[in-house]
Amino acid sequence: MSKEVEFKNRDRFLQLGIAIAALRKMRGMSQEQLSEKANVSRSHISAIEAPGIIRPFSLEVFFNIADALEVDPADLINASVFSDDIINKKK
């Protein structure tokens, strides 16, 4: 069911995956913990975070991941550097 990603969106998916992985690690969460909290398979999280793989995913999955990381979805989209408020948010 994998759809080809338009070339102009490839970098966006890569950046989003990197932001998700970075914030997950800052939160001290494993991929397994994030997948359980976001109701997504661990292999799907792994593919989303993989730097050399373009893995498109639905907005529902995106919102579930943002909620599991306790971050506003817009902050994930705009992430190049996370603010101290986002990094230091307690569970």
PDB file of N, CA and C in Angstrom:
ATOM      1  N   MET A   1       0.815  -1.196   0.000  1.00  0.00           N
ATOM      2  CA  MET A   1       0.000   0.000   0.000  1.00  0.00           C
ATOM      3  C   MET A   1       0.857   1.257   0.000  1.00  0.00           C
ATOM      4  N   SER A   2       2.149   1.085  -0.118  1.00  0.00           N
ATOM      5  CA  SER A   2       3.065   2.216  -0.116  1.00  0.00           C
ATOM      6  C   SER A   2       2.867   3.066  -1.367  1.00  0.00           C
ATOM      7  N   LYS A   3       2.707   4.349  -1.157  1.00  0.00           N
ATOM      8  CA  LYS A   3       2.526   5.291  -2.243  1.00  0.00           C
ATOM      9  C   LYS A   3       3.834   6.014  -2.494  1.00  0.00           C
ATOM     10  N   GLU A   4       4.089   6.341  -3.733  1.00  0.00           N
ATOM     11  CA  GLU A   4       5.290   7.097  -4.067  1.00  0.00           C
ATOM     12  C   GLU A   4       5.141   8.528  -3.550  1.00  0.00           C
ATOM     13  N   VAL A   5       6.190   9.008  -2.911  1.00  0.00           N
ATOM     14  CA  VAL A   5       6.178  10.360  -2.356  1.00  0.00           C
ATOM     15  C   VAL A   5       6.691  11.316  -3.422  1.00  0.00           C
ATOM     16  N   GLU A   6       5.976  12.421  -3.605  1.00  0.00           N
ATOM     17  CA  GLU A   6       6.433  13.419  -4.561  1.00  0.00           C
ATOM     18  C   GLU A   6       7.801  13.929  -4.144  1.00  0.00           C
ATOM     19  N   PHE A   7       8.625  14.199  -5.114  1.00  0.00           N
ATOM     20  CA  PHE A   7       9.998  14.617  -4.849  1.00  0.00           C
ATOM     21  C   PHE A   7      10.055  15.818  -3.901  1.00  0.00           C
ATOM     22  N   LYS A   8       9.161  16.782  -4.081  1.00  0.00           N
ATOM     23  CA  LYS A   8       9.194  17.998  -3.249  1.00  0.00           C
ATOM     24  C   LYS A   8       8.873  17.710  -1.774  1.00  0.00           C
ATOM     25  N   ASN A   9       8.232  16.579  -1.486  1.00  0.00           N
ATOM     26  CA  ASN A   9       7.888  16.243  -0.104  1.00  0.00           C
ATOM     27  C   ASN A   9       8.879  15.296   0.563  1.00  0.00           C
ATOM     28  N   ARG A  10       9.812  14.748  -0.190  1.00  0.00           N
ATOM     29  CA  ARG A  10      10.768  13.787   0.352  1.00  0.00           C
ATOM     30  C   ARG A  10      11.543  14.366   1.532  1.00  0.00           C
ATOM     31  N   ASP A  11      12.086  15.553   1.365  1.00  0.00           N
ATOM     32  CA  ASP A  11      12.852  16.183   2.441  1.00  0.00           C
ATOM     33  C   ASP A  11      11.976  16.491   3.647  1.00  0.00           C
ATOM     34  N   ARG A  12      10.727  16.814   3.406  1.00  0.00           N
ATOM     35  CA  ARG A  12       9.810  17.098   4.512  1.00  0.00           C
ATOM     36  C   ARG A  12       9.573  15.858   5.362  1.00  0.00           C
ATOM     37  N   PHE A  13       9.358  14.721   4.722  1.00  0.00           N
ATOM     38  CA  PHE A  13       9.173  13.478   5.474  1.00  0.00           C
ATOM     39  C   PHE A  13      10.445  13.097   6.215  1.00  0.00           C
ATOM     40  N   LEU A  14      11.595  13.283   5.581  1.00  0.00           N
ATOM     41  CA  LEU A  14      12.868  12.988   6.253  1.00  0.00           C
ATOM     42  C   LEU A  14      13.050  13.868   7.484  1.00  0.00           C
ATOM     43  N   GLN A  15      12.808  15.172   7.330  1.00  0.00           N
ATOM     44  CA  GLN A  15      12.969  16.101   8.445  1.00  0.00           C
ATOM     45  C   GLN A  15      11.996  15.765   9.574  1.00  0.00           C
ATOM     46  N   LEU A  16      10.790  15.418   9.233  1.00  0.00           N
ATOM     47  CA  LEU A  16       9.791  15.072  10.248  1.00  0.00           C
ATOM     48  C   LEU A  16      10.205  13.811  10.999  1.00  0.00           C
ATOM     49  N   GLY A  17      10.698  12.817  10.276  1.00  0.00           N
ATOM     50  CA  GLY A  17      11.170  11.598  10.924  1.00  0.00           C
ATOM     51  C   GLY A  17      12.334  11.856  11.865  1.00  0.00           C
ATOM     52  N   ILE A  18      13.246  12.707  11.451  1.00  0.00           N
ATOM     53  CA  ILE A  18      14.390  13.064  12.296  1.00  0.00           C
ATOM     54  C   ILE A  18      13.927  13.810  13.541  1.00  0.00           C
ATOM     55  N   ALA A  19      12.965  14.713  13.383  1.00  0.00           N
ATOM     56  CA  ALA A  19      12.439  15.463  14.527  1.00  0.00           C
ATOM     57  C   ALA A  19      11.746  14.532  15.519  1.00  0.00           C
ATOM     58  N   ILE A  20      10.984  13.579  15.015  1.00  0.00           N
ATOM     59  CA  ILE A  20      10.294  12.617  15.882  1.00  0.00           C
ATOM     60  C   ILE A  20      11.322  11.793  16.650  1.00  0.00           C
ATOM     61  N   ALA A  21      12.338  11.294  15.947  1.00  0.00           N
ATOM     62  CA  ALA A  21      13.376  10.485  16.598  1.00  0.00           C
ATOM     63  C   ALA A  21      14.123  11.297  17.659  1.00  0.00           C
ATOM     64  N   ALA A  22      14.468  12.527  17.336  1.00  0.00           N
ATOM     65  CA  ALA A  22      15.216  13.364  18.274  1.00  0.00           C
ATOM     66  C   ALA A  22      14.411  13.639  19.534  1.00  0.00           C
ATOM     67  N   LEU A  23      13.146  14.011  19.367  1.00  0.00           N
ATOM     68  CA  LEU A  23      12.328  14.323  20.537  1.00  0.00           C
ATOM     69  C   LEU A  23      12.036  13.063  21.350  1.00  0.00           C
ATOM     70  N   ARG A  24      11.822  11.941  20.682  1.00  0.00           N
ATOM     71  CA  ARG A  24      11.605  10.678  21.390  1.00  0.00           C
ATOM     72  C   ARG A  24      12.809  10.366  22.278  1.00  0.00           C
ATOM     73  N   LYS A  25      13.999  10.530  21.736  1.00  0.00           N
ATOM     74  CA  LYS A  25      15.220  10.259  22.506  1.00  0.00           C
ATOM     75  C   LYS A  25      15.379  11.256  23.651  1.00  0.00           C
ATOM     76  N   MET A  26      15.053  12.518  23.405  1.00  0.00           N
ATOM     77  CA  MET A  26      15.117  13.533  24.471  1.00  0.00           C
ATOM     78  C   MET A  26      14.152  13.215  25.595  1.00  0.00           C
ATOM     79  N   ARG A  27      13.035  12.588  25.241  1.00  0.00           N
ATOM     80  CA  ARG A  27      12.034  12.196  26.242  1.00  0.00           C
ATOM     81  C   ARG A  27      12.424  10.899  26.957  1.00  0.00           C
ATOM     82  N   GLY A  28      13.505  10.262  26.499  1.00  0.00           N
ATOM     83  CA  GLY A  28      13.943   9.011  27.115  1.00  0.00           C
ATOM     84  C   GLY A  28      13.052   7.832  26.777  1.00  0.00           C
ATOM     85  N   MET A  29      12.404   7.891  25.623  1.00  0.00           N
ATOM     86  CA  MET A  29      11.483   6.833  25.215  1.00  0.00           C
ATOM     87  C   MET A  29      12.144   5.931  24.174  1.00  0.00           C
ATOM     88  N   SER A  30      11.830   4.648  24.246  1.00  0.00           N
ATOM     89  CA  SER A  30      12.247   3.716  23.205  1.00  0.00           C
ATOM     90  C   SER A  30      11.214   3.781  22.079  1.00  0.00           C
ATOM     91  N   GLN A  31      11.575   3.220  20.937  1.00  0.00           N
ATOM     92  CA  GLN A  31      10.600   3.147  19.853  1.00  0.00           C
ATOM     93  C   GLN A  31       9.395   2.319  20.283  1.00  0.00           C
ATOM     94  N   GLU A  32       9.644   1.283  21.056  1.00  0.00           N
ATOM     95  CA  GLU A  32       8.556   0.429  21.554  1.00  0.00           C
ATOM     96  C   GLU A  32       7.592   1.233  22.435  1.00  0.00           C
ATOM     97  N   GLN A  33       8.139   2.045  23.331  1.00  0.00           N
ATOM     98  CA  GLN A  33       7.293   2.859  24.212  1.00  0.00           C
ATOM     99  C   GLN A  33       6.482   3.863  23.406  1.00  0.00           C
ATOM    100  N   LEU A  34       7.130   4.517  22.436  1.00  0.00           N
ATOM    101  CA  LEU A  34       6.409   5.480  21.603  1.00  0.00           C
ATOM    102  C   LEU A  34       5.322   4.774  20.803  1.00  0.00           C
ATOM    103  N   SER A  35       5.638   3.626  20.258  1.00  0.00           N
ATOM    104  CA  SER A  35       4.646   2.922  19.441  1.00  0.00           C
ATOM    105  C   SER A  35       3.425   2.528  20.266  1.00  0.00           C
ATOM    106  N   GLU A  36       3.652   2.069  21.489  1.00  0.00           N
ATOM    107  CA  GLU A  36       2.524   1.702  22.358  1.00  0.00           C
ATOM    108  C   GLU A  36       1.673   2.920  22.695  1.00  0.00           C
ATOM    109  N   LYS A  37       2.331   4.010  23.039  1.00  0.00           N
ATOM    110  CA  LYS A  37       1.615   5.229  23.427  1.00  0.00           C
ATOM    111  C   LYS A  37       0.864   5.860  22.246  1.00  0.00           C
ATOM    112  N   ALA A  38       1.434   5.712  21.044  1.00  0.00           N
ATOM    113  CA  ALA A  38       0.828   6.310  19.846  1.00  0.00           C
ATOM    114  C   ALA A  38      -0.090   5.343  19.108  1.00  0.00           C
ATOM    115  N   ASN A  39      -0.172   4.093  19.602  1.00  0.00           N
ATOM    116  CA  ASN A  39      -1.002   3.079  18.965  1.00  0.00           C
ATOM    117  C   ASN A  39      -0.600   2.837  17.505  1.00  0.00           C
ATOM    118  N   VAL A  40       0.722   2.720  17.308  1.00  0.00           N
ATOM    119  CA  VAL A  40       1.322   2.482  15.998  1.00  0.00           C
ATOM    120  C   VAL A  40       2.338   1.367  16.193  1.00  0.00           C
ATOM    121  N   SER A  41       2.542   0.526  15.186  1.00  0.00           N
ATOM    122  CA  SER A  41       3.519  -0.554  15.342  1.00  0.00           C
ATOM    123  C   SER A  41       4.936   0.000  15.475  1.00  0.00           C
ATOM    124  N   ARG A  42       5.784  -0.741  16.180  1.00  0.00           N
ATOM    125  CA  ARG A  42       7.169  -0.318  16.354  1.00  0.00           C
ATOM    126  C   ARG A  42       7.890  -0.263  15.011  1.00  0.00           C
ATOM    127  N   SER A  43       7.574  -1.190  14.117  1.00  0.00           N
ATOM    128  CA  SER A  43       8.219  -1.182  12.802  1.00  0.00           C
ATOM    129  C   SER A  43       7.822   0.057  11.993  1.00  0.00           C
ATOM    130  N   HIS A  44       6.600   0.539  12.194  1.00  0.00           N
ATOM    131  CA  HIS A  44       6.167   1.769  11.512  1.00  0.00           C
ATOM    132  C   HIS A  44       6.939   2.967  12.065  1.00  0.00           C
ATOM    133  N   ILE A  45       7.091   3.041  13.384  1.00  0.00           N
ATOM    134  CA  ILE A  45       7.884   4.117  13.999  1.00  0.00           C
ATOM    135  C   ILE A  45       9.318   4.056  13.476  1.00  0.00           C
ATOM    136  N   SER A  46       9.874   2.868  13.433  1.00  0.00           N
ATOM    137  CA  SER A  46      11.240   2.687  12.952  1.00  0.00           C
ATOM    138  C   SER A  46      11.391   3.187  11.522  1.00  0.00           C
ATOM    139  N   ALA A  47      10.444   2.861  10.666  1.00  0.00           N
ATOM    140  CA  ALA A  47      10.496   3.296   9.275  1.00  0.00           C
ATOM    141  C   ALA A  47      10.338   4.808   9.150  1.00  0.00           C
ATOM    142  N   ILE A  48       9.476   5.400   9.968  1.00  0.00           N
ATOM    143  CA  ILE A  48       9.277   6.849   9.951  1.00  0.00           C
ATOM    144  C   ILE A  48      10.564   7.557  10.355  1.00  0.00           C
ATOM    145  N   GLU A  49      11.253   7.027  11.360  1.00  0.00           N
ATOM    146  CA  GLU A  49      12.461   7.659  11.889  1.00  0.00           C
ATOM    147  C   GLU A  49      13.713   7.376  11.059  1.00  0.00           C
ATOM    148  N   ALA A  50      13.691   6.351  10.226  1.00  0.00           N
ATOM    149  CA  ALA A  50      14.886   5.957   9.477  1.00  0.00           C
ATOM    150  C   ALA A  50      15.331   7.076   8.541  1.00  0.00           C
ATOM    151  N   PRO A  51      16.588   7.536   8.672  1.00  0.00           N
ATOM    152  CA  PRO A  51      17.041   8.682   7.889  1.00  0.00           C
ATOM    153  C   PRO A  51      17.149   8.422   6.388  1.00  0.00           C
ATOM    154  N   GLY A  52      17.316   7.179   5.972  1.00  0.00           N
ATOM    155  CA  GLY A  52      17.468   6.910   4.549  1.00  0.00           C
ATOM    156  C   GLY A  52      16.211   6.406   3.875  1.00  0.00           C
ATOM    157  N   ILE A  53      15.115   6.379   4.605  1.00  0.00           N
ATOM    158  CA  ILE A  53      13.864   5.833   4.070  1.00  0.00           C
ATOM    159  C   ILE A  53      12.796   6.924   4.092  1.00  0.00           C
ATOM    160  N   ILE A  54      12.057   7.013   3.013  1.00  0.00           N
ATOM    161  CA  ILE A  54      10.928   7.939   2.963  1.00  0.00           C
ATOM    162  C   ILE A  54       9.686   7.113   3.246  1.00  0.00           C
ATOM    163  N   ARG A  55       9.063   7.358   4.387  1.00  0.00           N
ATOM    164  CA  ARG A  55       7.873   6.596   4.769  1.00  0.00           C
ATOM    165  C   ARG A  55       6.721   7.561   4.999  1.00  0.00           C
ATOM    166  N   PRO A  56       5.839   7.714   3.994  1.00  0.00           N
ATOM    167  CA  PRO A  56       4.683   8.586   4.210  1.00  0.00           C
ATOM    168  C   PRO A  56       3.757   7.963   5.244  1.00  0.00           C
ATOM    169  N   PHE A  57       3.073   8.810   5.994  1.00  0.00           N
ATOM    170  CA  PHE A  57       2.126   8.316   6.995  1.00  0.00           C
ATOM    171  C   PHE A  57       0.982   9.292   7.129  1.00  0.00           C
ATOM    172  N   SER A  58      -0.119   8.791   7.658  1.00  0.00           N
ATOM    173  CA  SER A  58      -1.356   9.566   7.724  1.00  0.00           C
ATOM    174  C   SER A  58      -1.279  10.654   8.791  1.00  0.00           C
ATOM    175  N   LEU A  59      -2.184  11.598   8.677  1.00  0.00           N
ATOM    176  CA  LEU A  59      -2.297  12.638   9.708  1.00  0.00           C
ATOM    177  C   LEU A  59      -2.700  12.032  11.040  1.00  0.00           C
ATOM    178  N   GLU A  60      -3.517  10.997  11.010  1.00  0.00           N
ATOM    179  CA  GLU A  60      -3.914  10.360  12.264  1.00  0.00           C
ATOM    180  C   GLU A  60      -2.690   9.800  12.989  1.00  0.00           C
ATOM    181  N   VAL A  61      -1.813   9.124  12.264  1.00  0.00           N
ATOM    182  CA  VAL A  61      -0.578   8.610  12.860  1.00  0.00           C
ATOM    183  C   VAL A  61       0.274   9.772  13.360  1.00  0.00           C
ATOM    184  N   PHE A  62       0.382  10.809  12.561  1.00  0.00           N
ATOM    185  CA  PHE A  62       1.155  11.997  12.949  1.00  0.00           C
ATOM    186  C   PHE A  62       0.619  12.598  14.245  1.00  0.00           C
ATOM    187  N   PHE A  63      -0.693  12.780  14.331  1.00  0.00           N
ATOM    188  CA  PHE A  63      -1.283  13.357  15.545  1.00  0.00           C
ATOM    189  C   PHE A  63      -1.102  12.431  16.744  1.00  0.00           C
ATOM    190  N   ASN A  64      -1.225  11.120  16.536  1.00  0.00           N
ATOM    191  CA  ASN A  64      -1.003  10.163  17.626  1.00  0.00           C
ATOM    192  C   ASN A  64       0.432  10.244  18.145  1.00  0.00           C
ATOM    193  N   ILE A  65       1.389  10.362  17.238  1.00  0.00           N
ATOM    194  CA  ILE A  65       2.793  10.479  17.637  1.00  0.00           C
ATOM    195  C   ILE A  65       3.019  11.778  18.397  1.00  0.00           C
ATOM    196  N   ALA A  66       2.479  12.876  17.900  1.00  0.00           N
ATOM    197  CA  ALA A  66       2.631  14.165  18.581  1.00  0.00           C
ATOM    198  C   ALA A  66       2.033  14.098  19.987  1.00  0.00           C
ATOM    199  N   ASP A  67       0.849  13.514  20.120  1.00  0.00           N
ATOM    200  CA  ASP A  67       0.226  13.377  21.440  1.00  0.00           C
ATOM    201  C   ASP A  67       1.074  12.506  22.357  1.00  0.00           C
ATOM    202  N   ALA A  68       1.608  11.417  21.824  1.00  0.00           N
ATOM    203  CA  ALA A  68       2.436  10.518  22.633  1.00  0.00           C
ATOM    204  C   ALA A  68       3.707  11.205  23.099  1.00  0.00           C
ATOM    205  N   LEU A  69       4.230  12.120  22.280  1.00  0.00           N
ATOM    206  CA  LEU A  69       5.432  12.878  22.649  1.00  0.00           C
ATOM    207  C   LEU A  69       5.099  14.142  23.442  1.00  0.00           C
ATOM    208  N   GLU A  70       3.802  14.379  23.631  1.00  0.00           N
ATOM    209  CA  GLU A  70       3.305  15.547  24.364  1.00  0.00           C
ATOM    210  C   GLU A  70       3.842  16.854  23.782  1.00  0.00           C
ATOM    211  N   VAL A  71       3.637  16.983  22.478  1.00  0.00           N
ATOM    212  CA  VAL A  71       4.096  18.166  21.760  1.00  0.00           C
ATOM    213  C   VAL A  71       3.016  18.584  20.771  1.00  0.00           C
ATOM    214  N   ASP A  72       2.930  19.862  20.520  1.00  0.00           N
ATOM    215  CA  ASP A  72       2.001  20.359  19.522  1.00  0.00           C
ATOM    216  C   ASP A  72       2.465  19.865  18.148  1.00  0.00           C
ATOM    217  N   PRO A  73       1.563  19.348  17.337  1.00  0.00           N
ATOM    218  CA  PRO A  73       1.962  18.862  16.014  1.00  0.00           C
ATOM    219  C   PRO A  73       2.728  19.910  15.197  1.00  0.00           C
ATOM    220  N   ALA A  74       2.354  21.158  15.325  1.00  0.00           N
ATOM    221  CA  ALA A  74       3.047  22.224  14.580  1.00  0.00           C
ATOM    222  C   ALA A  74       4.513  22.323  14.982  1.00  0.00           C
ATOM    223  N   ASP A  75       4.811  22.040  16.250  1.00  0.00           N
ATOM    224  CA  ASP A  75       6.209  22.083  16.695  1.00  0.00           C
ATOM    225  C   ASP A  75       7.038  20.993  16.020  1.00  0.00           C
ATOM    226  N   LEU A  76       6.437  19.839  15.770  1.00  0.00           N
ATOM    227  CA  LEU A  76       7.161  18.788  15.046  1.00  0.00           C
ATOM    228  C   LEU A  76       7.416  19.198  13.602  1.00  0.00           C
ATOM    229  N   ILE A  77       6.422  19.804  12.993  1.00  0.00           N
ATOM    230  CA  ILE A  77       6.572  20.223  11.597  1.00  0.00           C
ATOM    231  C   ILE A  77       7.627  21.318  11.473  1.00  0.00           C
ATOM    232  N   ASN A  78       7.632  22.234  12.412  1.00  0.00           N
ATOM    233  CA  ASN A  78       8.553  23.367  12.349  1.00  0.00           C
ATOM    234  C   ASN A  78       9.893  23.103  13.008  1.00  0.00           C
ATOM    235  N   ALA A  79      10.098  21.897  13.497  1.00  0.00           N
ATOM    236  CA  ALA A  79      11.288  21.601  14.290  1.00  0.00           C
ATOM    237  C   ALA A  79      12.554  21.622  13.454  1.00  0.00           C
ATOM    238  N   SER A  80      13.437  22.484  13.846  1.00  0.00           N
ATOM    239  CA  SER A  80      14.830  22.377  13.413  1.00  0.00           C
ATOM    240  C   SER A  80      15.638  22.399  14.698  1.00  0.00           C
ATOM    241  N   VAL A  81      15.174  23.226  15.637  1.00  0.00           N
ATOM    242  CA  VAL A  81      15.729  23.252  16.987  1.00  0.00           C
ATOM    243  C   VAL A  81      14.540  23.351  17.930  1.00  0.00           C
ATOM    244  N   PHE A  82      14.489  22.480  18.931  1.00  0.00           N
ATOM    245  CA  PHE A  82      13.401  22.531  19.892  1.00  0.00           C
ATOM    246  C   PHE A  82      13.721  23.556  20.969  1.00  0.00           C
ATOM    247  N   SER A  83      12.690  24.277  21.417  1.00  0.00           N
ATOM    248  CA  SER A  83      12.864  25.238  22.500  1.00  0.00           C
ATOM    249  C   SER A  83      13.092  24.488  23.800  1.00  0.00           C
ATOM    250  N   ASP A  84      13.637  25.179  24.795  1.00  0.00           N
ATOM    251  CA  ASP A  84      13.869  24.567  26.104  1.00  0.00           C
ATOM    252  C   ASP A  84      12.567  24.079  26.723  1.00  0.00           C
ATOM    253  N   ASP A  85      11.463  24.779  26.496  1.00  0.00           N
ATOM    254  CA  ASP A  85      10.169  24.358  27.042  1.00  0.00           C
ATOM    255  C   ASP A  85       9.768  22.984  26.521  1.00  0.00           C
ATOM    256  N   ILE A  86      10.006  22.734  25.263  1.00  0.00           N
ATOM    257  CA  ILE A  86       9.653  21.439  24.686  1.00  0.00           C
ATOM    258  C   ILE A  86      10.610  20.362  25.183  1.00  0.00           C
ATOM    259  N   ILE A  87      11.890  20.648  25.191  1.00  0.00           N
ATOM    260  CA  ILE A  87      12.898  19.663  25.599  1.00  0.00           C
ATOM    261  C   ILE A  87      12.712  19.264  27.056  1.00  0.00           C
ATOM    262  N   ASN A  88      12.439  20.225  27.922  1.00  0.00           N
ATOM    263  CA  ASN A  88      12.406  19.966  29.360  1.00  0.00           C
ATOM    264  C   ASN A  88      11.026  19.619  29.902  1.00  0.00           C
ATOM    265  N   LYS A  89      10.045  19.438  29.041  1.00  0.00           N
ATOM    266  CA  LYS A  89       8.702  19.101  29.508  1.00  0.00           C
ATOM    267  C   LYS A  89       8.734  17.775  30.246  1.00  0.00           C
ATOM    268  N   LYS A  90       8.197  17.781  31.421  1.00  0.00           N
ATOM    269  CA  LYS A  90       8.157  16.573  32.264  1.00  0.00           C
ATOM    270  C   LYS A  90       6.986  15.702  31.862  1.00  0.00           C
ATOM    271  N   LYS A  91       7.151  14.398  32.066  1.00  0.00           N
ATOM    272  CA  LYS A  91       6.093  13.443  31.734  1.00  0.00           C
ATOM    273  C   LYS A  91       4.929  13.577  32.683  1.00  0.00           C
TER     274      LYS A  91
END
